[in-house]
Every structure is written in C-alpha cells, then in structure tokens.
C-alpha cells in the first residue's frame, strides 16, 4: 500500500511534509509509512480520505480500480468497446470474431 501512496503523492506533486501538515499527522508518521516500516492506521486513512476525497480508497488499500474517483476515468471505461475476440483452439487453429 505504501507504493500506491507514493504513486499518488507523485501524481499530485505532493511532498510528505505538506501531506503530514494537511492531514494533521506527525511528519515521521508519513516517513515511516513511505519507507514501509509502518502500515497506515485506520485513523491515518480516515484523515487522508477526508482531506483528499478524490482518492479511491479501494485502490489505495487493495490496488483494485483507479487511483482517483474521477468522472473522466469512468467515462473512458464506458467508451471502450471490444473490437475483436480471438479464440485459440488446442489444435493450434484460431477463430477471430469482429464486433
């Protein structure tokens, strides 16, 4: 999870000291989490998600989904369509299905 937190901070161009001050935690807390020494507490996550509501909590905790709760990302998903499907058979033949 600390790698995802690092990635998010980089994407937001956010320094650890600024994050600590913004969410009201000790700067050492951020340092220990980013180094992998400590895992984030529930209190830390609650403060982080309260201060930055666009972070996708599911992504931050599990890595599933998108980094941010953003309408644009949801629109991109809804626009994608399957162009073709290729089925490979045991006899090394294949079949291509176009939409």
PDB file of N, CA and C in Angstrom:
ATOM      1  N   UNK A   1       0.819  -1.194   0.000  1.00  0.00           N
ATOM      2  CA  UNK A   1       0.000   0.000   0.000  1.00  0.00           C
ATOM      3  C   UNK A   1       0.865   1.261   0.000  1.00  0.00           C
ATOM      4  N   UNK A   2       2.041   1.190   0.621  1.00  0.00           N
ATOM      5  CA  UNK A   2       2.881   2.383   0.658  1.00  0.00           C
ATOM      6  C   UNK A   2       3.345   2.784  -0.732  1.00  0.00           C
ATOM      7  N   UNK A   3       3.487   1.806  -1.638  1.00  0.00           N
ATOM      8  CA  UNK A   3       3.868   2.135  -3.021  1.00  0.00           C
ATOM      9  C   UNK A   3       2.744   2.911  -3.712  1.00  0.00           C
ATOM     10  N   UNK A   4       1.503   2.523  -3.466  1.00  0.00           N
ATOM     11  CA  UNK A   4       0.377   3.248  -4.060  1.00  0.00           C
ATOM     12  C   UNK A   4       0.290   4.656  -3.484  1.00  0.00           C
ATOM     13  N   UNK A   5       0.552   4.790  -2.197  1.00  0.00           N
ATOM     14  CA  UNK A   5       0.548   6.119  -1.585  1.00  0.00           C
ATOM     15  C   UNK A   5       1.635   6.985  -2.215  1.00  0.00           C
ATOM     16  N   UNK A   6       2.821   6.411  -2.418  1.00  0.00           N
ATOM     17  CA  UNK A   6       3.915   7.134  -3.077  1.00  0.00           C
ATOM     18  C   UNK A   6       3.504   7.558  -4.488  1.00  0.00           C
ATOM     19  N   UNK A   7       2.911   6.628  -5.231  1.00  0.00           N
ATOM     20  CA  UNK A   7       2.476   6.940  -6.602  1.00  0.00           C
ATOM     21  C   UNK A   7       1.474   8.074  -6.618  1.00  0.00           C
ATOM     22  N   UNK A   8       0.518   8.025  -5.704  1.00  0.00           N
ATOM     23  CA  UNK A   8      -0.491   9.081  -5.645  1.00  0.00           C
ATOM     24  C   UNK A   8       0.155  10.411  -5.306  1.00  0.00           C
ATOM     25  N   UNK A   9       1.048  10.414  -4.330  1.00  0.00           N
ATOM     26  CA  UNK A   9       1.724  11.659  -3.941  1.00  0.00           C
ATOM     27  C   UNK A   9       2.524  12.235  -5.116  1.00  0.00           C
ATOM     28  N   UNK A  10       3.194  11.373  -5.859  1.00  0.00           N
ATOM     29  CA  UNK A  10       3.940  11.837  -7.031  1.00  0.00           C
ATOM     30  C   UNK A  10       3.000  12.423  -8.072  1.00  0.00           C
ATOM     31  N   UNK A  11       1.865  11.773  -8.297  1.00  0.00           N
ATOM     32  CA  UNK A  11       0.912  12.270  -9.292  1.00  0.00           C
ATOM     33  C   UNK A  11       0.321  13.617  -8.889  1.00  0.00           C
ATOM     34  N   UNK A  12       0.247  13.865  -7.580  1.00  0.00           N
ATOM     35  CA  UNK A  12      -0.278  15.124  -7.069  1.00  0.00           C
ATOM     36  C   UNK A  12       0.834  16.145  -6.811  1.00  0.00           C
ATOM     37  N   UNK A  13       2.071  15.729  -7.075  1.00  0.00           N
ATOM     38  CA  UNK A  13       3.242  16.577  -6.806  1.00  0.00           C
ATOM     39  C   UNK A  13       3.222  17.065  -5.355  1.00  0.00           C
ATOM     40  N   UNK A  14       2.975  16.120  -4.448  1.00  0.00           N
ATOM     41  CA  UNK A  14       2.766  16.416  -3.034  1.00  0.00           C
ATOM     42  C   UNK A  14       3.946  15.915  -2.213  1.00  0.00           C
ATOM     43  N   UNK A  15       4.546  16.799  -1.458  1.00  0.00           N
ATOM     44  CA  UNK A  15       5.676  16.429  -0.597  1.00  0.00           C
ATOM     45  C   UNK A  15       5.154  15.825   0.700  1.00  0.00           C
ATOM     46  N   UNK A  16       5.916  14.891   1.283  1.00  0.00           N
ATOM     47  CA  UNK A  16       5.489  14.258   2.533  1.00  0.00           C
ATOM     48  C   UNK A  16       5.185  15.256   3.649  1.00  0.00           C
ATOM     49  N   UNK A  17       5.987  16.299   3.757  1.00  0.00           N
ATOM     50  CA  UNK A  17       5.769  17.282   4.823  1.00  0.00           C
ATOM     51  C   UNK A  17       4.445  18.019   4.642  1.00  0.00           C
ATOM     52  N   UNK A  18       4.101  18.327   3.397  1.00  0.00           N
ATOM     53  CA  UNK A  18       2.838  19.015   3.112  1.00  0.00           C
ATOM     54  C   UNK A  18       1.664  18.092   3.415  1.00  0.00           C
ATOM     55  N   UNK A  19       1.795  16.830   3.035  1.00  0.00           N
ATOM     56  CA  UNK A  19       0.734  15.859   3.326  1.00  0.00           C
ATOM     57  C   UNK A  19       0.533  15.735   4.830  1.00  0.00           C
ATOM     58  N   UNK A  20       1.617  15.600   5.567  1.00  0.00           N
ATOM     59  CA  UNK A  20       1.519  15.467   7.024  1.00  0.00           C
ATOM     60  C   UNK A  20       0.825  16.676   7.642  1.00  0.00           C
ATOM     61  N   UNK A  21       1.223  17.867   7.212  1.00  0.00           N
ATOM     62  CA  UNK A  21       0.624  19.080   7.762  1.00  0.00           C
ATOM     63  C   UNK A  21      -0.852  19.194   7.384  1.00  0.00           C
ATOM     64  N   UNK A  22      -1.184  18.814   6.173  1.00  0.00           N
ATOM     65  CA  UNK A  22      -2.564  18.926   5.687  1.00  0.00           C
ATOM     66  C   UNK A  22      -3.514  18.008   6.437  1.00  0.00           C
ATOM     67  N   UNK A  23      -3.077  16.775   6.684  1.00  0.00           N
ATOM     68  CA  UNK A  23      -3.991  15.835   7.336  1.00  0.00           C
ATOM     69  C   UNK A  23      -3.810  15.797   8.854  1.00  0.00           C
ATOM     70  N   UNK A  24      -2.834  16.538   9.367  1.00  0.00           N
ATOM     71  CA  UNK A  24      -2.665  16.650  10.802  1.00  0.00           C
ATOM     72  C   UNK A  24      -2.009  15.470  11.476  1.00  0.00           C
ATOM     73  N   UNK A  25      -0.988  14.919  10.824  1.00  0.00           N
ATOM     74  CA  UNK A  25      -0.217  13.844  11.450  1.00  0.00           C
ATOM     75  C   UNK A  25       1.244  14.275  11.543  1.00  0.00           C
ATOM     76  N   UNK A  26       1.977  13.575  12.364  1.00  0.00           N
ATOM     77  CA  UNK A  26       3.398  13.841  12.532  1.00  0.00           C
ATOM     78  C   UNK A  26       4.134  13.524  11.229  1.00  0.00           C
ATOM     79  N   UNK A  27       5.122  14.323  10.891  1.00  0.00           N
ATOM     80  CA  UNK A  27       5.884  14.093   9.659  1.00  0.00           C
ATOM     81  C   UNK A  27       6.593  12.745   9.678  1.00  0.00           C
ATOM     82  N   UNK A  28       7.000  12.300  10.858  1.00  0.00           N
ATOM     83  CA  UNK A  28       7.654  10.999  10.981  1.00  0.00           C
ATOM     84  C   UNK A  28       6.689   9.865  10.605  1.00  0.00           C
ATOM     85  N   UNK A  29       5.417  10.063  10.880  1.00  0.00           N
ATOM     86  CA  UNK A  29       4.406   9.057  10.523  1.00  0.00           C
ATOM     87  C   UNK A  29       4.416   8.819   9.019  1.00  0.00           C
ATOM     88  N   UNK A  30       4.424   9.896   8.251  1.00  0.00           N
ATOM     89  CA  UNK A  30       4.457   9.784   6.787  1.00  0.00           C
ATOM     90  C   UNK A  30       5.745   9.111   6.349  1.00  0.00           C
ATOM     91  N   UNK A  31       6.848   9.521   6.922  1.00  0.00           N
ATOM     92  CA  UNK A  31       8.153   8.947   6.578  1.00  0.00           C
ATOM     93  C   UNK A  31       8.177   7.443   6.825  1.00  0.00           C
ATOM     94  N   UNK A  32       7.653   7.007   7.953  1.00  0.00           N
ATOM     95  CA  UNK A  32       7.648   5.583   8.290  1.00  0.00           C
ATOM     96  C   UNK A  32       6.730   4.785   7.362  1.00  0.00           C
ATOM     97  N   UNK A  33       5.615   5.370   6.971  1.00  0.00           N
ATOM     98  CA  UNK A  33       4.698   4.685   6.053  1.00  0.00           C
ATOM     99  C   UNK A  33       5.336   4.570   4.673  1.00  0.00           C
ATOM    100  N   UNK A  34       5.920   5.656   4.181  1.00  0.00           N
ATOM    101  CA  UNK A  34       6.514   5.655   2.838  1.00  0.00           C
ATOM    102  C   UNK A  34       7.727   4.742   2.742  1.00  0.00           C
ATOM    103  N   UNK A  35       8.414   4.529   3.852  1.00  0.00           N
ATOM    104  CA  UNK A  35       9.580   3.634   3.835  1.00  0.00           C
ATOM    105  C   UNK A  35       9.172   2.165   3.970  1.00  0.00           C
ATOM    106  N   UNK A  36       7.897   1.927   4.309  1.00  0.00           N
ATOM    107  CA  UNK A  36       7.421   0.567   4.506  1.00  0.00           C
ATOM    108  C   UNK A  36       7.635   0.062   5.920  1.00  0.00           C
ATOM    109  N   UNK A  37       8.195   0.893   6.784  1.00  0.00           N
ATOM    110  CA  UNK A  37       8.447   0.498   8.176  1.00  0.00           C
ATOM    111  C   UNK A  37       7.143   0.260   8.932  1.00  0.00           C
ATOM    112  N   UNK A  38       6.181   1.180   8.758  1.00  0.00           N
ATOM    113  CA  UNK A  38       4.878   1.069   9.422  1.00  0.00           C
ATOM    114  C   UNK A  38       3.768   1.009   8.388  1.00  0.00           C
ATOM    115  N   UNK A  39       2.694   0.352   8.758  1.00  0.00           N
ATOM    116  CA  UNK A  39       1.498   0.343   7.919  1.00  0.00           C
ATOM    117  C   UNK A  39       0.594   1.476   8.366  1.00  0.00           C
ATOM    118  N   UNK A  40      -0.146   2.061   7.430  1.00  0.00           N
ATOM    119  CA  UNK A  40      -1.051   3.154   7.807  1.00  0.00           C
ATOM    120  C   UNK A  40      -2.159   2.658   8.740  1.00  0.00           C
ATOM    121  N   UNK A  41      -2.467   3.458   9.734  1.00  0.00           N
ATOM    122  CA  UNK A  41      -3.546   3.119  10.657  1.00  0.00           C
ATOM    123  C   UNK A  41      -4.889   3.520  10.044  1.00  0.00           C
ATOM    124  N   UNK A  42      -5.944   3.046  10.640  1.00  0.00           N
ATOM    125  CA  UNK A  42      -7.287   3.429  10.212  1.00  0.00           C
ATOM    126  C   UNK A  42      -7.469   4.937  10.386  1.00  0.00           C
ATOM    127  N   UNK A  43      -6.946   5.472  11.468  1.00  0.00           N
ATOM    128  CA  UNK A  43      -7.027   6.907  11.723  1.00  0.00           C
ATOM    129  C   UNK A  43      -6.313   7.692  10.618  1.00  0.00           C
ATOM    130  N   UNK A  44      -5.139   7.225  10.214  1.00  0.00           N
ATOM    131  CA  UNK A  44      -4.396   7.873   9.139  1.00  0.00           C
ATOM    132  C   UNK A  44      -5.212   7.857   7.847  1.00  0.00           C
ATOM    133  N   UNK A  45      -5.753   6.688   7.510  1.00  0.00           N
ATOM    134  CA  UNK A  45      -6.545   6.564   6.278  1.00  0.00           C
ATOM    135  C   UNK A  45      -7.779   7.461   6.317  1.00  0.00           C
ATOM    136  N   UNK A  46      -8.421   7.524   7.459  1.00  0.00           N
ATOM    137  CA  UNK A  46      -9.613   8.371   7.593  1.00  0.00           C
ATOM    138  C   UNK A  46      -9.255   9.837   7.365  1.00  0.00           C
ATOM    139  N   UNK A  47      -8.158  10.280   7.943  1.00  0.00           N
ATOM    140  CA  UNK A  47      -7.720  11.668   7.760  1.00  0.00           C
ATOM    141  C   UNK A  47      -7.338  11.938   6.307  1.00  0.00           C
ATOM    142  N   UNK A  48      -6.624  10.995   5.705  1.00  0.00           N
ATOM    143  CA  UNK A  48      -6.200  11.148   4.314  1.00  0.00           C
ATOM    144  C   UNK A  48      -7.396  11.243   3.378  1.00  0.00           C
ATOM    145  N   UNK A  49      -8.340  10.325   3.539  1.00  0.00           N
ATOM    146  CA  UNK A  49      -9.510  10.295   2.654  1.00  0.00           C
ATOM    147  C   UNK A  49     -10.444  11.470   2.906  1.00  0.00           C
ATOM    148  N   UNK A  50     -10.456  11.974   4.114  1.00  0.00           N
ATOM    149  CA  UNK A  50     -11.263  13.148   4.415  1.00  0.00           C
ATOM    150  C   UNK A  50     -10.676  14.396   3.759  1.00  0.00           C
ATOM    151  N   UNK A  51      -9.361  14.517   3.807  1.00  0.00           N
ATOM    152  CA  UNK A  51      -8.690  15.690   3.227  1.00  0.00           C
ATOM    153  C   UNK A  51      -8.608  15.618   1.707  1.00  0.00           C
ATOM    154  N   UNK A  52      -8.542  14.405   1.168  1.00  0.00           N
ATOM    155  CA  UNK A  52      -8.415  14.204  -0.281  1.00  0.00           C
ATOM    156  C   UNK A  52      -9.495  13.222  -0.745  1.00  0.00           C
ATOM    157  N   UNK A  53     -10.729  13.681  -0.878  1.00  0.00           N
ATOM    158  CA  UNK A  53     -11.840  12.777  -1.202  1.00  0.00           C
ATOM    159  C   UNK A  53     -11.773  12.164  -2.603  1.00  0.00           C
ATOM    160  N   UNK A  54     -10.914  12.676  -3.461  1.00  0.00           N
ATOM    161  CA  UNK A  54     -10.817  12.099  -4.808  1.00  0.00           C
ATOM    162  C   UNK A  54      -9.979  10.830  -4.853  1.00  0.00           C
ATOM    163  N   UNK A  55      -9.280  10.506  -3.769  1.00  0.00           N
ATOM    164  CA  UNK A  55      -8.516   9.254  -3.748  1.00  0.00           C
ATOM    165  C   UNK A  55      -9.510   8.096  -3.666  1.00  0.00           C
ATOM    166  N   UNK A  56      -9.320   7.118  -4.501  1.00  0.00           N
ATOM    167  CA  UNK A  56     -10.147   5.922  -4.468  1.00  0.00           C
ATOM    168  C   UNK A  56      -9.634   5.027  -3.337  1.00  0.00           C
ATOM    169  N   UNK A  57     -10.394   4.938  -2.254  1.00  0.00           N
ATOM    170  CA  UNK A  57      -9.980   4.159  -1.084  1.00  0.00           C
ATOM    171  C   UNK A  57      -9.762   2.694  -1.443  1.00  0.00           C
ATOM    172  N   UNK A  58     -10.589   2.157  -2.306  1.00  0.00           N
ATOM    173  CA  UNK A  58     -10.438   0.763  -2.714  1.00  0.00           C
ATOM    174  C   UNK A  58      -9.095   0.554  -3.404  1.00  0.00           C
ATOM    175  N   UNK A  59      -8.730   1.475  -4.289  1.00  0.00           N
ATOM    176  CA  UNK A  59      -7.436   1.386  -4.977  1.00  0.00           C
ATOM    177  C   UNK A  59      -6.299   1.513  -3.973  1.00  0.00           C
ATOM    178  N   UNK A  60      -6.396   2.480  -3.084  1.00  0.00           N
ATOM    179  CA  UNK A  60      -5.321   2.718  -2.129  1.00  0.00           C
ATOM    180  C   UNK A  60      -5.080   1.494  -1.252  1.00  0.00           C
ATOM    181  N   UNK A  61      -6.134   0.871  -0.801  1.00  0.00           N
ATOM    182  CA  UNK A  61      -5.997  -0.261   0.117  1.00  0.00           C
ATOM    183  C   UNK A  61      -5.682  -1.563  -0.612  1.00  0.00           C
ATOM    184  N   UNK A  62      -6.371  -1.824  -1.719  1.00  0.00           N
ATOM    185  CA  UNK A  62      -6.238  -3.129  -2.368  1.00  0.00           C
ATOM    186  C   UNK A  62      -5.533  -3.105  -3.720  1.00  0.00           C
ATOM    187  N   UNK A  63      -5.422  -1.931  -4.322  1.00  0.00           N
ATOM    188  CA  UNK A  63      -4.834  -1.851  -5.660  1.00  0.00           C
ATOM    189  C   UNK A  63      -5.841  -2.091  -6.771  1.00  0.00           C
ATOM    190  N   UNK A  64      -7.103  -2.255  -6.420  1.00  0.00           N
ATOM    191  CA  UNK A  64      -8.142  -2.520  -7.411  1.00  0.00           C
ATOM    192  C   UNK A  64      -8.804  -1.218  -7.812  1.00  0.00           C
ATOM    193  N   UNK A  65      -8.963  -1.022  -9.104  1.00  0.00           N
ATOM    194  CA  UNK A  65      -9.635   0.166  -9.613  1.00  0.00           C
ATOM    195  C   UNK A  65      -8.658   1.252  -9.996  1.00  0.00           C
ATOM    196  N   UNK A  66      -9.163   2.451 -10.081  1.00  0.00           N
ATOM    197  CA  UNK A  66      -8.368   3.603 -10.470  1.00  0.00           C
ATOM    198  C   UNK A  66      -7.850   4.344  -9.251  1.00  0.00           C
ATOM    199  N   UNK A  67      -6.798   5.113  -9.470  1.00  0.00           N
ATOM    200  CA  UNK A  67      -6.182   5.877  -8.394  1.00  0.00           C
ATOM    201  C   UNK A  67      -7.150   6.901  -7.809  1.00  0.00           C
ATOM    202  N   UNK A  68      -7.924   7.534  -8.662  1.00  0.00           N
ATOM    203  CA  UNK A  68      -8.794   8.593  -8.183  1.00  0.00           C
ATOM    204  C   UNK A  68     -10.245   8.329  -8.551  1.00  0.00           C
ATOM    205  N   UNK A  69     -11.142   8.813  -7.714  1.00  0.00           N
ATOM    206  CA  UNK A  69     -12.561   8.797  -8.009  1.00  0.00           C
ATOM    207  C   UNK A  69     -12.808   9.977  -8.940  1.00  0.00           C
ATOM    208  N   UNK A  70     -12.748   9.720 -10.220  1.00  0.00           N
ATOM    209  CA  UNK A  70     -12.798  10.804 -11.180  1.00  0.00           C
ATOM    210  C   UNK A  70     -13.799  10.452 -12.280  1.00  0.00           C
ATOM    211  N   UNK A  71     -14.683  11.359 -12.584  1.00  0.00           N
ATOM    212  CA  UNK A  71     -15.699  11.118 -13.612  1.00  0.00           C
ATOM    213  C   UNK A  71     -15.061  10.839 -14.962  1.00  0.00           C
ATOM    214  N   UNK A  72     -13.974  11.523 -15.279  1.00  0.00           N
ATOM    215  CA  UNK A  72     -13.321  11.331 -16.576  1.00  0.00           C
ATOM    216  C   UNK A  72     -12.873   9.892 -16.759  1.00  0.00           C
ATOM    217  N   UNK A  73     -12.316   9.273 -15.700  1.00  0.00           N
ATOM    218  CA  UNK A  73     -11.889   7.890 -15.804  1.00  0.00           C
ATOM    219  C   UNK A  73     -13.077   6.971 -16.040  1.00  0.00           C
ATOM    220  N   UNK A  74     -14.202   7.239 -15.403  1.00  0.00           N
ATOM    221  CA  UNK A  74     -15.383   6.419 -15.593  1.00  0.00           C
ATOM    222  C   UNK A  74     -15.914   6.560 -17.012  1.00  0.00           C
ATOM    223  N   UNK A  75     -15.817   7.770 -17.567  1.00  0.00           N
ATOM    224  CA  UNK A  75     -16.265   7.983 -18.936  1.00  0.00           C
ATOM    225  C   UNK A  75     -15.413   7.194 -19.914  1.00  0.00           C
ATOM    226  N   UNK A  76     -14.099   7.138 -19.672  1.00  0.00           N
ATOM    227  CA  UNK A  76     -13.201   6.404 -20.555  1.00  0.00           C
ATOM    228  C   UNK A  76     -13.584   4.932 -20.565  1.00  0.00           C
ATOM    229  N   UNK A  77     -13.893   4.378 -19.416  1.00  0.00           N
ATOM    230  CA  UNK A  77     -14.277   2.979 -19.337  1.00  0.00           C
ATOM    231  C   UNK A  77     -15.558   2.737 -20.118  1.00  0.00           C
ATOM    232  N   UNK A  78     -16.514   3.631 -20.040  1.00  0.00           N
ATOM    233  CA  UNK A  78     -17.784   3.411 -20.714  1.00  0.00           C
ATOM    234  C   UNK A  78     -17.670   3.573 -22.229  1.00  0.00           C
ATOM    235  N   UNK A  79     -16.639   4.254 -22.715  1.00  0.00           N
ATOM    236  CA  UNK A  79     -16.460   4.463 -24.150  1.00  0.00           C
ATOM    237  C   UNK A  79     -15.809   3.258 -24.813  1.00  0.00           C
ATOM    238  N   UNK A  80     -14.998   2.523 -24.092  1.00  0.00           N
ATOM    239  CA  UNK A  80     -14.270   1.397 -24.668  1.00  0.00           C
ATOM    240  C   UNK A  80     -15.232   0.320 -25.139  1.00  0.00           C
ATOM    241  N   UNK A  81     -14.946  -0.202 -26.327  1.00  0.00           N
ATOM    242  CA  UNK A  81     -15.730  -1.296 -26.889  1.00  0.00           C
ATOM    243  C   UNK A  81     -14.786  -2.384 -27.369  1.00  0.00           C
ATOM    244  N   UNK A  82     -15.247  -3.591 -27.386  1.00  0.00           N
ATOM    245  CA  UNK A  82     -14.438  -4.710 -27.864  1.00  0.00           C
ATOM    246  C   UNK A  82     -14.404  -4.656 -29.381  1.00  0.00           C
ATOM    247  N   UNK A  83     -13.195  -4.647 -29.924  1.00  0.00           N
ATOM    248  CA  UNK A  83     -13.026  -4.591 -31.371  1.00  0.00           C
ATOM    249  C   UNK A  83     -13.033  -5.967 -31.993  1.00  0.00           C
ATOM    250  N   UNK A  84     -12.364  -6.926 -31.347  1.00  0.00           N
ATOM    251  CA  UNK A  84     -12.358  -8.289 -31.838  1.00  0.00           C
ATOM    252  C   UNK A  84     -11.987  -9.235 -30.717  1.00  0.00           C
ATOM    253  N   UNK A  85     -12.364 -10.486 -30.884  1.00  0.00           N
ATOM    254  CA  UNK A  85     -12.031 -11.534 -29.942  1.00  0.00           C
ATOM    255  C   UNK A  85     -11.384 -12.652 -30.747  1.00  0.00           C
ATOM    256  N   UNK A  86     -10.244 -13.131 -30.276  1.00  0.00           N
ATOM    257  CA  UNK A  86      -9.565 -14.234 -30.940  1.00  0.00           C
ATOM    258  C   UNK A  86      -9.613 -15.432 -30.011  1.00  0.00           C
ATOM    259  N   UNK A  87     -10.103 -16.568 -30.542  1.00  0.00           N
ATOM    260  CA  UNK A  87     -10.196 -17.805 -29.778  1.00  0.00           C
ATOM    261  C   UNK A  87      -9.166 -18.773 -30.332  1.00  0.00           C
ATOM    262  N   UNK A  88      -8.276 -19.262 -29.470  1.00  0.00           N
ATOM    263  CA  UNK A  88      -7.268 -20.231 -29.878  1.00  0.00           C
ATOM    264  C   UNK A  88      -7.703 -21.616 -29.413  1.00  0.00           C
ATOM    265  N   UNK A  89      -7.613 -22.594 -30.318  1.00  0.00           N
ATOM    266  CA  UNK A  89      -8.017 -23.961 -30.015  1.00  0.00           C
ATOM    267  C   UNK A  89      -6.798 -24.836 -29.753  1.00  0.00           C
ATOM    268  N   UNK A  90      -7.038 -26.004 -29.140  1.00  0.00           N
ATOM    269  CA  UNK A  90      -5.953 -26.929 -28.812  1.00  0.00           C
ATOM    270  C   UNK A  90      -5.177 -27.402 -30.033  1.00  0.00           C
ATOM    271  N   UNK A  91      -5.810 -27.449 -31.206  1.00  0.00           N
ATOM    272  CA  UNK A  91      -5.134 -27.930 -32.415  1.00  0.00           C
ATOM    273  C   UNK A  91      -4.361 -26.815 -33.123  1.00  0.00           C
ATOM    274  N   UNK A  92      -4.095 -25.714 -32.417  1.00  0.00           N
ATOM    275  CA  UNK A  92      -3.357 -24.550 -32.919  1.00  0.00           C
ATOM    276  C   UNK A  92      -4.100 -23.745 -33.981  1.00  0.00           C
ATOM    277  N   UNK A  93      -5.369 -24.021 -34.171  1.00  0.00           N
ATOM    278  CA  UNK A  93      -6.169 -23.186 -35.065  1.00  0.00           C
ATOM    279  C   UNK A  93      -6.795 -22.078 -34.229  1.00  0.00           C
ATOM    280  N   UNK A  94      -7.309 -21.079 -34.909  1.00  0.00           N
ATOM    281  CA  UNK A  94      -7.949 -19.979 -34.177  1.00  0.00           C
ATOM    282  C   UNK A  94      -9.096 -19.431 -35.000  1.00  0.00           C
ATOM    283  N   UNK A  95      -9.907 -18.681 -34.318  1.00  0.00           N
ATOM    284  CA  UNK A  95     -11.073 -18.048 -34.944  1.00  0.00           C
ATOM    285  C   UNK A  95     -11.135 -16.619 -34.431  1.00  0.00           C
ATOM    286  N   UNK A  96     -11.324 -15.686 -35.359  1.00  0.00           N
ATOM    287  CA  UNK A  96     -11.397 -14.269 -34.992  1.00  0.00           C
ATOM    288  C   UNK A  96     -12.830 -13.791 -35.159  1.00  0.00           C
ATOM    289  N   UNK A  97     -13.348 -13.170 -34.122  1.00  0.00           N
ATOM    290  CA  UNK A  97     -14.698 -12.642 -34.156  1.00  0.00           C
ATOM    291  C   UNK A  97     -14.613 -11.118 -34.072  1.00  0.00           C
ATOM    292  N   UNK A  98     -15.186 -10.435 -35.046  1.00  0.00           N
ATOM    293  CA  UNK A  98     -15.202  -8.960 -35.050  1.00  0.00           C
ATOM    294  C   UNK A  98     -16.542  -8.470 -34.565  1.00  0.00           C
ATOM    295  N   UNK A  99     -16.522  -7.318 -33.924  1.00  0.00           N
ATOM    296  CA  UNK A  99     -17.787  -6.770 -33.428  1.00  0.00           C
ATOM    297  C   UNK A  99     -18.505  -5.988 -34.507  1.00  0.00           C
TER     298      UNK A  99
END
